Amino acid sequence: MSIARQLFQEFRPFIRLLEDPFARTPASFYGFPSRTDDPFTKLMMRPAVDITEEGDKYILDADLPGVKKENIEVRIGDNGESITIQGRIMDEMKHKKSTETSTGSTIKSDSTSIATKSKDASLQIANERPYTRNVSFTRTVWLPRPVDTKNVSAKLDHGVLTITVQKSDSDKAATTIPVD
């Protein structure tokens, strides 16, 4: 392994720290979650990414649960040295709020009113997934060597986006890759 690659591996945590300086605390740099970290928004704002080098190609796996392939855009830029994954989650509410006038009736007695609901009416008991409603995200990953922008594939399978790119030294154009 070359000295430059070893240095890149050693400085990778510092590069990650510089990518998002306001969202990370010194405690989270060492692997400990901070008390001020929001556990829900960070998961979707910056998808988790694994990069593997296999011979003459890089394989990038990104966790994108609940994201449809129509809402994902993958770009290679910076002379073939970076991959950007951009997307959004457009989650429509599956259970609309019901109105009393259309699904239930109100019975009035002395000083109280009692609302009765029909079997078709729904009432949301808890909402613990607010981060899945209309969220956009972007993640840029820097590669150690430029890649061939003409020889790229991207596939979304069960919430995992797999991008396979061939190494190259000469391509310099930014390219958008269709997701299968």
N, C-alpha and C. Protein backbone atom coordinates (compact mmCIF):
# COMPACT_ATOMS: atom_id res chain seq x y z
N MET A 1 0.85 -1.18 0.00
CA MET A 1 0.00 0.00 0.00
C MET A 1 0.89 1.24 0.00
N SER A 2 0.57 2.21 -0.82
CA SER A 2 1.40 3.40 -0.95
C SER A 2 1.28 4.30 0.28
N ILE A 3 2.27 5.14 0.45
CA ILE A 3 2.28 6.07 1.58
C ILE A 3 1.12 7.05 1.49
N ALA A 4 0.83 7.52 0.28
CA ALA A 4 -0.28 8.47 0.10
C ALA A 4 -1.61 7.83 0.50
N ARG A 5 -1.81 6.58 0.14
CA ARG A 5 -3.06 5.90 0.49
C ARG A 5 -3.14 5.68 2.00
N GLN A 6 -2.01 5.35 2.65
CA GLN A 6 -2.00 5.17 4.09
C GLN A 6 -2.33 6.48 4.79
N LEU A 7 -1.76 7.59 4.30
CA LEU A 7 -2.07 8.89 4.90
C LEU A 7 -3.53 9.25 4.71
N PHE A 8 -4.07 8.94 3.53
CA PHE A 8 -5.48 9.21 3.28
C PHE A 8 -6.35 8.44 4.27
N GLN A 9 -5.99 7.17 4.54
CA GLN A 9 -6.75 6.36 5.49
C GLN A 9 -6.65 6.94 6.90
N GLU A 10 -5.47 7.44 7.26
CA GLU A 10 -5.28 8.00 8.59
C GLU A 10 -6.04 9.31 8.79
N PHE A 11 -6.13 10.11 7.74
CA PHE A 11 -6.78 11.42 7.85
C PHE A 11 -8.27 11.38 7.50
N ARG A 12 -8.79 10.22 7.12
CA ARG A 12 -10.20 10.12 6.74
C ARG A 12 -11.15 10.61 7.85
N PRO A 13 -10.94 10.28 9.14
CA PRO A 13 -11.84 10.81 10.17
C PRO A 13 -11.83 12.34 10.23
N PHE A 14 -10.69 12.96 9.99
CA PHE A 14 -10.62 14.42 10.00
C PHE A 14 -11.36 15.01 8.81
N ILE A 15 -11.27 14.34 7.67
CA ILE A 15 -12.00 14.80 6.48
C ILE A 15 -13.49 14.72 6.73
N ARG A 16 -13.96 13.65 7.36
CA ARG A 16 -15.38 13.53 7.68
C ARG A 16 -15.82 14.63 8.64
N LEU A 17 -14.96 14.97 9.57
CA LEU A 17 -15.27 16.03 10.52
C LEU A 17 -15.41 17.36 9.80
N LEU A 18 -14.58 17.61 8.79
CA LEU A 18 -14.65 18.86 8.04
C LEU A 18 -15.84 18.91 7.09
N GLU A 19 -16.37 17.76 6.67
CA GLU A 19 -17.51 17.74 5.76
C GLU A 19 -18.74 18.39 6.38
N ASP A 20 -18.94 18.21 7.67
CA ASP A 20 -20.13 18.74 8.33
C ASP A 20 -19.74 19.25 9.72
N PRO A 21 -19.04 20.40 9.81
CA PRO A 21 -18.49 20.83 11.08
C PRO A 21 -19.52 21.23 12.13
N PHE A 22 -20.70 21.67 11.71
CA PHE A 22 -21.67 22.16 12.68
C PHE A 22 -22.58 21.06 13.21
N ALA A 23 -22.66 19.94 12.53
CA ALA A 23 -23.53 18.86 12.97
C ALA A 23 -22.81 17.85 13.85
N ARG A 24 -21.49 17.90 13.89
CA ARG A 24 -20.74 16.92 14.67
C ARG A 24 -20.09 17.60 15.87
N THR A 25 -20.06 16.88 16.96
CA THR A 25 -19.41 17.36 18.16
C THR A 25 -18.12 16.57 18.36
N PRO A 26 -17.19 17.07 19.17
CA PRO A 26 -15.96 16.30 19.41
C PRO A 26 -16.24 14.91 19.97
N ALA A 27 -17.29 14.77 20.79
CA ALA A 27 -17.61 13.44 21.34
C ALA A 27 -18.03 12.48 20.24
N SER A 28 -18.79 12.96 19.26
CA SER A 28 -19.23 12.07 18.19
C SER A 28 -18.07 11.69 17.28
N PHE A 29 -17.01 12.50 17.25
CA PHE A 29 -15.83 12.17 16.46
C PHE A 29 -15.18 10.88 16.98
N TYR A 30 -15.23 10.68 18.29
CA TYR A 30 -14.63 9.48 18.88
C TYR A 30 -15.60 8.31 18.96
N GLY A 31 -16.78 8.45 18.37
CA GLY A 31 -17.72 7.34 18.34
C GLY A 31 -18.78 7.39 19.42
N PHE A 32 -18.73 8.40 20.29
CA PHE A 32 -19.73 8.51 21.34
C PHE A 32 -20.81 9.50 20.91
N PRO A 33 -22.08 9.12 21.03
CA PRO A 33 -23.14 10.07 20.65
C PRO A 33 -23.20 11.23 21.63
N SER A 34 -23.52 12.38 21.12
CA SER A 34 -23.63 13.57 21.95
C SER A 34 -25.06 13.70 22.46
N ARG A 35 -25.22 14.38 23.58
CA ARG A 35 -26.57 14.60 24.11
C ARG A 35 -27.39 15.50 23.22
N THR A 36 -26.73 16.34 22.44
CA THR A 36 -27.45 17.26 21.57
C THR A 36 -27.75 16.68 20.20
N ASP A 37 -27.23 15.51 19.90
CA ASP A 37 -27.49 14.89 18.60
C ASP A 37 -28.94 14.44 18.51
N ASP A 38 -29.56 14.73 17.40
CA ASP A 38 -30.91 14.24 17.13
C ASP A 38 -30.77 12.90 16.42
N PRO A 39 -31.19 11.81 17.03
CA PRO A 39 -30.95 10.50 16.44
C PRO A 39 -31.73 10.23 15.16
N PHE A 40 -32.76 11.02 14.87
CA PHE A 40 -33.60 10.73 13.72
C PHE A 40 -33.20 11.52 12.48
N THR A 41 -32.91 12.80 12.61
CA THR A 41 -32.65 13.60 11.42
C THR A 41 -31.32 13.26 10.78
N LYS A 42 -30.31 12.94 11.57
CA LYS A 42 -29.00 12.65 10.99
C LYS A 42 -29.02 11.38 10.15
N LEU A 43 -29.84 10.41 10.52
CA LEU A 43 -29.88 9.17 9.77
C LEU A 43 -30.33 9.41 8.34
N MET A 44 -31.24 10.34 8.14
CA MET A 44 -31.75 10.56 6.80
C MET A 44 -31.03 11.69 6.08
N MET A 45 -30.47 12.63 6.81
CA MET A 45 -29.78 13.73 6.15
C MET A 45 -28.43 13.28 5.58
N ARG A 46 -27.80 12.32 6.20
CA ARG A 46 -26.52 11.79 5.73
C ARG A 46 -26.60 10.27 5.75
N PRO A 47 -26.97 9.66 4.63
CA PRO A 47 -27.07 8.20 4.62
C PRO A 47 -25.73 7.54 4.90
N ALA A 48 -25.79 6.40 5.57
CA ALA A 48 -24.57 5.63 5.86
C ALA A 48 -24.04 5.03 4.56
N VAL A 49 -22.71 5.11 4.38
CA VAL A 49 -22.08 4.68 3.13
C VAL A 49 -20.88 3.80 3.44
N ASP A 50 -20.76 2.69 2.71
CA ASP A 50 -19.57 1.83 2.76
C ASP A 50 -18.93 1.85 1.38
N ILE A 51 -17.60 1.98 1.34
CA ILE A 51 -16.87 1.95 0.07
C ILE A 51 -15.89 0.79 0.12
N THR A 52 -15.93 -0.04 -0.92
CA THR A 52 -15.04 -1.19 -1.02
C THR A 52 -14.27 -1.08 -2.32
N GLU A 53 -12.98 -1.40 -2.26
CA GLU A 53 -12.15 -1.42 -3.46
C GLU A 53 -11.92 -2.88 -3.84
N GLU A 54 -12.36 -3.24 -5.04
CA GLU A 54 -12.18 -4.61 -5.54
C GLU A 54 -11.45 -4.56 -6.87
N GLY A 55 -10.17 -4.79 -6.85
CA GLY A 55 -9.37 -4.78 -8.08
C GLY A 55 -9.40 -3.44 -8.77
N ASP A 56 -10.00 -3.38 -9.96
CA ASP A 56 -10.01 -2.14 -10.74
C ASP A 56 -11.33 -1.38 -10.62
N LYS A 57 -12.08 -1.62 -9.53
CA LYS A 57 -13.35 -0.90 -9.36
C LYS A 57 -13.60 -0.58 -7.89
N TYR A 58 -14.48 0.40 -7.69
CA TYR A 58 -14.96 0.76 -6.36
C TYR A 58 -16.43 0.36 -6.28
N ILE A 59 -16.84 -0.16 -5.14
CA ILE A 59 -18.24 -0.48 -4.90
C ILE A 59 -18.69 0.32 -3.70
N LEU A 60 -19.71 1.12 -3.91
CA LEU A 60 -20.25 1.99 -2.88
C LEU A 60 -21.65 1.50 -2.52
N ASP A 61 -21.89 1.21 -1.24
CA ASP A 61 -23.20 0.80 -0.74
C ASP A 61 -23.72 1.89 0.18
N ALA A 62 -24.92 2.39 -0.09
CA ALA A 62 -25.53 3.44 0.72
C ALA A 62 -26.89 2.96 1.22
N ASP A 63 -27.15 3.14 2.51
CA ASP A 63 -28.43 2.77 3.09
C ASP A 63 -29.44 3.88 2.84
N LEU A 64 -30.49 3.56 2.08
CA LEU A 64 -31.54 4.52 1.76
C LEU A 64 -32.91 3.88 1.99
N PRO A 65 -33.25 3.58 3.24
CA PRO A 65 -34.54 2.92 3.49
C PRO A 65 -35.71 3.83 3.18
N GLY A 66 -36.68 3.29 2.49
CA GLY A 66 -37.89 4.04 2.18
C GLY A 66 -37.79 4.98 1.00
N VAL A 67 -36.65 5.02 0.33
CA VAL A 67 -36.46 5.94 -0.80
C VAL A 67 -36.74 5.19 -2.09
N LYS A 68 -37.56 5.78 -2.95
CA LYS A 68 -37.86 5.17 -4.25
C LYS A 68 -36.77 5.56 -5.25
N LYS A 69 -36.54 4.68 -6.22
CA LYS A 69 -35.46 4.94 -7.18
C LYS A 69 -35.73 6.19 -8.02
N GLU A 70 -37.00 6.57 -8.20
CA GLU A 70 -37.32 7.78 -8.96
C GLU A 70 -36.86 9.04 -8.23
N ASN A 71 -36.65 8.93 -6.92
CA ASN A 71 -36.28 10.08 -6.11
C ASN A 71 -34.79 10.12 -5.79
N ILE A 72 -33.99 9.33 -6.49
CA ILE A 72 -32.54 9.29 -6.25
C ILE A 72 -31.81 9.78 -7.49
N GLU A 73 -30.80 10.61 -7.26
CA GLU A 73 -29.93 11.06 -8.34
C GLU A 73 -28.49 10.80 -7.91
N VAL A 74 -27.73 10.14 -8.78
CA VAL A 74 -26.33 9.84 -8.52
C VAL A 74 -25.50 10.59 -9.55
N ARG A 75 -24.50 11.36 -9.07
CA ARG A 75 -23.64 12.13 -9.96
C ARG A 75 -22.18 11.84 -9.65
N ILE A 76 -21.38 11.83 -10.71
CA ILE A 76 -19.93 11.75 -10.55
C ILE A 76 -19.38 13.09 -10.98
N GLY A 77 -18.59 13.70 -10.14
CA GLY A 77 -18.06 15.02 -10.45
C GLY A 77 -16.62 15.17 -10.01
N ASP A 78 -16.15 16.40 -10.05
CA ASP A 78 -14.79 16.73 -9.63
C ASP A 78 -13.76 15.86 -10.35
N ASN A 79 -13.87 15.85 -11.67
CA ASN A 79 -12.95 15.09 -12.52
C ASN A 79 -12.95 13.60 -12.20
N GLY A 80 -14.12 13.08 -11.82
CA GLY A 80 -14.24 11.65 -11.54
C GLY A 80 -13.76 11.24 -10.17
N GLU A 81 -13.55 12.19 -9.27
CA GLU A 81 -13.02 11.85 -7.95
C GLU A 81 -14.08 11.86 -6.85
N SER A 82 -15.32 12.24 -7.16
CA SER A 82 -16.36 12.24 -6.13
C SER A 82 -17.65 11.67 -6.68
N ILE A 83 -18.41 11.05 -5.79
CA ILE A 83 -19.74 10.54 -6.10
C ILE A 83 -20.71 11.23 -5.16
N THR A 84 -21.76 11.82 -5.73
CA THR A 84 -22.78 12.50 -4.93
C THR A 84 -24.09 11.75 -5.08
N ILE A 85 -24.68 11.42 -3.94
CA ILE A 85 -26.00 10.79 -3.91
C ILE A 85 -26.96 11.84 -3.37
N GLN A 86 -27.98 12.13 -4.14
CA GLN A 86 -28.94 13.15 -3.74
C GLN A 86 -30.33 12.56 -3.91
N GLY A 87 -31.22 12.87 -2.99
CA GLY A 87 -32.56 12.33 -3.11
C GLY A 87 -33.52 12.95 -2.13
N ARG A 88 -34.74 12.41 -2.15
CA ARG A 88 -35.76 12.91 -1.24
C ARG A 88 -36.74 11.77 -0.94
N ILE A 89 -37.38 11.92 0.19
CA ILE A 89 -38.43 10.99 0.59
C ILE A 89 -39.73 11.78 0.59
N MET A 90 -40.66 11.35 -0.21
CA MET A 90 -41.96 11.99 -0.29
C MET A 90 -42.97 11.00 0.26
N ASP A 91 -43.13 10.98 1.55
CA ASP A 91 -44.01 10.01 2.20
C ASP A 91 -45.37 10.65 2.45
N GLU A 92 -46.36 10.17 1.73
CA GLU A 92 -47.71 10.66 1.95
C GLU A 92 -48.26 10.01 3.20
N MET A 93 -49.05 10.77 3.94
CA MET A 93 -49.66 10.20 5.14
C MET A 93 -50.63 9.11 4.72
N LYS A 94 -50.42 7.92 5.25
CA LYS A 94 -51.26 6.80 4.87
C LYS A 94 -52.63 6.87 5.53
N HIS A 95 -52.66 7.46 6.71
CA HIS A 95 -53.92 7.57 7.44
C HIS A 95 -54.24 9.04 7.61
N LYS A 96 -55.15 9.54 6.80
CA LYS A 96 -55.54 10.94 6.87
C LYS A 96 -56.30 11.19 8.16
N LYS A 97 -56.21 12.44 8.64
CA LYS A 97 -56.99 12.79 9.82
C LYS A 97 -58.47 12.77 9.46
N SER A 98 -59.24 12.20 10.32
CA SER A 98 -60.67 12.14 10.05
C SER A 98 -61.36 13.34 10.67
N THR A 99 -62.43 13.75 10.05
CA THR A 99 -63.21 14.86 10.58
C THR A 99 -64.48 14.30 11.19
N GLU A 100 -64.94 14.93 12.25
CA GLU A 100 -66.12 14.43 12.94
C GLU A 100 -67.36 14.52 12.07
N THR A 101 -67.41 15.49 11.20
CA THR A 101 -68.62 15.68 10.40
C THR A 101 -68.80 14.57 9.39
N SER A 102 -67.70 14.00 8.88
CA SER A 102 -67.86 12.99 7.85
C SER A 102 -67.82 11.57 8.38
N THR A 103 -67.17 11.35 9.52
CA THR A 103 -67.02 9.96 9.97
C THR A 103 -67.63 9.70 11.34
N GLY A 104 -68.01 10.68 12.04
CA GLY A 104 -68.54 10.44 13.38
C GLY A 104 -69.69 11.36 13.68
N SER A 105 -70.24 11.22 14.85
CA SER A 105 -71.34 12.09 15.25
C SER A 105 -71.10 12.53 16.67
N THR A 106 -71.74 13.61 17.07
CA THR A 106 -71.58 14.14 18.41
C THR A 106 -72.93 14.06 19.12
N ILE A 107 -72.92 13.51 20.30
CA ILE A 107 -74.13 13.41 21.10
C ILE A 107 -73.99 14.38 22.26
N LYS A 108 -74.95 15.28 22.43
CA LYS A 108 -74.89 16.25 23.51
C LYS A 108 -75.83 15.83 24.62
N SER A 109 -75.32 15.91 25.82
CA SER A 109 -76.16 15.69 27.00
C SER A 109 -75.82 16.79 27.99
N ASP A 110 -76.53 16.92 29.04
CA ASP A 110 -76.47 17.99 30.03
C ASP A 110 -75.32 18.98 29.81
N SER A 111 -74.12 18.68 30.31
CA SER A 111 -73.02 19.63 30.18
C SER A 111 -71.83 19.04 29.43
N THR A 112 -71.95 17.86 28.94
CA THR A 112 -70.84 17.23 28.23
C THR A 112 -71.25 16.86 26.83
N SER A 113 -70.27 16.76 25.99
CA SER A 113 -70.54 16.24 24.65
C SER A 113 -69.66 15.02 24.45
N ILE A 114 -70.21 14.00 23.88
CA ILE A 114 -69.49 12.74 23.67
C ILE A 114 -69.36 12.53 22.17
N ALA A 115 -68.15 12.35 21.72
CA ALA A 115 -67.93 12.10 20.29
C ALA A 115 -67.85 10.61 20.06
N THR A 116 -68.63 10.14 19.12
CA THR A 116 -68.57 8.73 18.76
C THR A 116 -68.01 8.64 17.36
N LYS A 117 -67.23 7.63 17.13
CA LYS A 117 -66.61 7.46 15.82
C LYS A 117 -67.11 6.18 15.19
N SER A 118 -67.23 6.24 13.90
CA SER A 118 -67.62 5.03 13.18
C SER A 118 -66.40 4.12 13.03
N LYS A 119 -66.62 2.91 12.56
CA LYS A 119 -65.52 1.95 12.42
C LYS A 119 -64.52 2.37 11.35
N ASP A 120 -64.94 3.19 10.39
CA ASP A 120 -64.05 3.62 9.31
C ASP A 120 -63.11 4.75 9.73
N ALA A 121 -63.41 5.44 10.81
CA ALA A 121 -62.61 6.59 11.23
C ALA A 121 -61.31 6.12 11.85
N SER A 122 -60.26 6.93 11.68
CA SER A 122 -58.98 6.59 12.28
C SER A 122 -58.50 7.76 13.13
N LEU A 123 -57.79 7.43 14.17
CA LEU A 123 -57.23 8.42 15.07
C LEU A 123 -55.77 8.07 15.28
N GLN A 124 -54.89 9.01 15.00
CA GLN A 124 -53.46 8.73 15.14
C GLN A 124 -53.10 8.76 16.62
N ILE A 125 -52.59 7.67 17.12
CA ILE A 125 -52.25 7.54 18.52
C ILE A 125 -50.87 8.12 18.81
N ALA A 126 -49.89 7.81 17.98
CA ALA A 126 -48.52 8.28 18.17
C ALA A 126 -47.90 8.60 16.82
N ASN A 127 -46.96 9.54 16.83
CA ASN A 127 -46.24 9.90 15.62
C ASN A 127 -44.76 10.01 15.97
N GLU A 128 -44.04 8.92 15.81
CA GLU A 128 -42.62 8.89 16.15
C GLU A 128 -41.72 8.90 14.93
N ARG A 129 -42.28 9.05 13.73
CA ARG A 129 -41.49 9.03 12.51
C ARG A 129 -41.61 10.34 11.74
N PRO A 130 -41.40 11.48 12.36
CA PRO A 130 -41.56 12.73 11.62
C PRO A 130 -40.48 12.94 10.57
N TYR A 131 -39.35 12.25 10.70
CA TYR A 131 -38.24 12.43 9.77
C TYR A 131 -38.50 11.78 8.42
N THR A 132 -39.55 10.98 8.31
CA THR A 132 -39.81 10.33 7.04
C THR A 132 -40.77 11.13 6.17
N ARG A 133 -41.13 12.30 6.58
CA ARG A 133 -42.06 13.12 5.81
C ARG A 133 -41.30 14.19 5.03
N ASN A 134 -41.27 14.09 3.73
CA ASN A 134 -40.71 15.10 2.84
C ASN A 134 -39.32 15.57 3.27
N VAL A 135 -38.37 14.68 3.24
CA VAL A 135 -37.00 14.96 3.64
C VAL A 135 -36.10 14.83 2.42
N SER A 136 -35.16 15.75 2.27
CA SER A 136 -34.17 15.61 1.21
C SER A 136 -32.80 15.40 1.83
N PHE A 137 -31.93 14.75 1.08
CA PHE A 137 -30.60 14.45 1.60
C PHE A 137 -29.58 14.52 0.48
N THR A 138 -28.34 14.75 0.86
CA THR A 138 -27.21 14.77 -0.06
C THR A 138 -26.02 14.17 0.65
N ARG A 139 -25.28 13.33 -0.05
CA ARG A 139 -24.05 12.78 0.50
C ARG A 139 -23.02 12.71 -0.61
N THR A 140 -21.89 13.34 -0.40
CA THR A 140 -20.79 13.31 -1.35
C THR A 140 -19.65 12.49 -0.76
N VAL A 141 -19.14 11.56 -1.55
CA VAL A 141 -18.06 10.69 -1.13
C VAL A 141 -16.88 10.94 -2.05
N TRP A 142 -15.70 11.15 -1.48
CA TRP A 142 -14.48 11.37 -2.26
C TRP A 142 -13.74 10.07 -2.42
N LEU A 143 -13.31 9.80 -3.63
CA LEU A 143 -12.60 8.57 -3.93
C LEU A 143 -11.10 8.84 -4.02
N PRO A 144 -10.26 7.85 -3.71
CA PRO A 144 -8.81 8.05 -3.76
C PRO A 144 -8.28 8.27 -5.17
N ARG A 145 -8.94 7.67 -6.18
CA ARG A 145 -8.51 7.81 -7.58
C ARG A 145 -9.70 8.18 -8.44
N PRO A 146 -9.46 8.85 -9.56
CA PRO A 146 -10.56 9.15 -10.49
C PRO A 146 -11.17 7.86 -11.04
N VAL A 147 -12.45 7.97 -11.43
CA VAL A 147 -13.16 6.81 -11.97
C VAL A 147 -13.63 7.11 -13.39
N ASP A 148 -13.94 6.05 -14.11
CA ASP A 148 -14.44 6.14 -15.48
C ASP A 148 -15.93 6.46 -15.43
N THR A 149 -16.32 7.65 -15.86
CA THR A 149 -17.72 8.08 -15.78
C THR A 149 -18.61 7.36 -16.78
N LYS A 150 -18.03 6.70 -17.76
CA LYS A 150 -18.82 5.97 -18.76
C LYS A 150 -19.15 4.54 -18.32
N ASN A 151 -18.43 4.03 -17.34
CA ASN A 151 -18.59 2.64 -16.92
C ASN A 151 -19.05 2.60 -15.46
N VAL A 152 -20.32 3.00 -15.24
CA VAL A 152 -20.89 3.10 -13.90
C VAL A 152 -22.25 2.42 -13.89
N SER A 153 -22.55 1.71 -12.82
CA SER A 153 -23.89 1.15 -12.65
C SER A 153 -24.38 1.46 -11.24
N ALA A 154 -25.69 1.69 -11.13
CA ALA A 154 -26.31 1.96 -9.83
C ALA A 154 -27.59 1.14 -9.74
N LYS A 155 -27.75 0.46 -8.61
CA LYS A 155 -28.93 -0.38 -8.42
C LYS A 155 -29.45 -0.22 -7.00
N LEU A 156 -30.77 -0.06 -6.87
CA LEU A 156 -31.42 0.05 -5.57
C LEU A 156 -32.14 -1.25 -5.29
N ASP A 157 -31.76 -1.92 -4.20
CA ASP A 157 -32.37 -3.20 -3.86
C ASP A 157 -32.61 -3.25 -2.35
N HIS A 158 -33.87 -3.33 -1.95
CA HIS A 158 -34.27 -3.43 -0.55
C HIS A 158 -33.67 -2.31 0.31
N GLY A 159 -33.70 -1.09 -0.19
CA GLY A 159 -33.23 0.06 0.57
C GLY A 159 -31.73 0.27 0.57
N VAL A 160 -30.99 -0.52 -0.20
CA VAL A 160 -29.54 -0.35 -0.30
C VAL A 160 -29.19 0.01 -1.74
N LEU A 161 -28.58 1.18 -1.92
CA LEU A 161 -28.13 1.62 -3.23
C LEU A 161 -26.70 1.14 -3.42
N THR A 162 -26.46 0.35 -4.48
CA THR A 162 -25.12 -0.15 -4.78
C THR A 162 -24.65 0.50 -6.07
N ILE A 163 -23.52 1.21 -5.97
CA ILE A 163 -22.93 1.89 -7.12
C ILE A 163 -21.59 1.23 -7.40
N THR A 164 -21.39 0.78 -8.64
CA THR A 164 -20.14 0.15 -9.04
C THR A 164 -19.49 1.02 -10.10
N VAL A 165 -18.24 1.44 -9.86
CA VAL A 165 -17.52 2.31 -10.80
C VAL A 165 -16.14 1.73 -11.08
N GLN A 166 -15.71 1.85 -12.34
CA GLN A 166 -14.38 1.40 -12.74
C GLN A 166 -13.37 2.53 -12.53
N LYS A 167 -12.17 2.20 -12.10
CA LYS A 167 -11.11 3.19 -11.92
C LYS A 167 -10.63 3.69 -13.28
N SER A 168 -10.22 4.95 -13.32
CA SER A 168 -9.69 5.55 -14.54
C SER A 168 -8.79 6.71 -14.16
N ASP A 169 -8.04 7.21 -15.13
CA ASP A 169 -7.17 8.36 -14.88
C ASP A 169 -7.53 9.57 -15.72
N SER A 170 -8.41 9.41 -16.71
CA SER A 170 -8.54 10.50 -17.68
C SER A 170 -9.91 11.18 -17.75
N ASP A 171 -11.02 10.57 -17.31
CA ASP A 171 -12.33 11.19 -17.48
C ASP A 171 -12.48 12.40 -16.57
N LYS A 172 -13.03 13.50 -17.13
CA LYS A 172 -13.16 14.72 -16.36
C LYS A 172 -14.57 15.30 -16.40
N ALA A 173 -15.51 14.68 -17.06
CA ALA A 173 -16.85 15.23 -17.19
C ALA A 173 -17.74 14.75 -16.05
N ALA A 174 -18.67 15.60 -15.62
CA ALA A 174 -19.67 15.21 -14.64
C ALA A 174 -20.78 14.46 -15.36
N THR A 175 -21.24 13.37 -14.77
CA THR A 175 -22.22 12.52 -15.42
C THR A 175 -23.32 12.16 -14.44
N THR A 176 -24.57 12.07 -14.92
CA THR A 176 -25.69 11.59 -14.12
C THR A 176 -25.97 10.15 -14.51
N ILE A 177 -26.12 9.29 -13.50
CA ILE A 177 -26.28 7.86 -13.73
C ILE A 177 -27.71 7.46 -13.44
N PRO A 178 -28.40 6.74 -14.36
CA PRO A 178 -29.76 6.26 -14.06
C PRO A 178 -29.72 5.12 -13.05
N VAL A 179 -30.68 5.09 -12.13
CA VAL A 179 -30.76 4.04 -11.11
C VAL A 179 -31.73 2.97 -11.58
N ASP A 180 -31.29 1.71 -11.56
CA ASP A 180 -32.15 0.59 -11.97
C ASP A 180 -32.98 0.11 -10.80
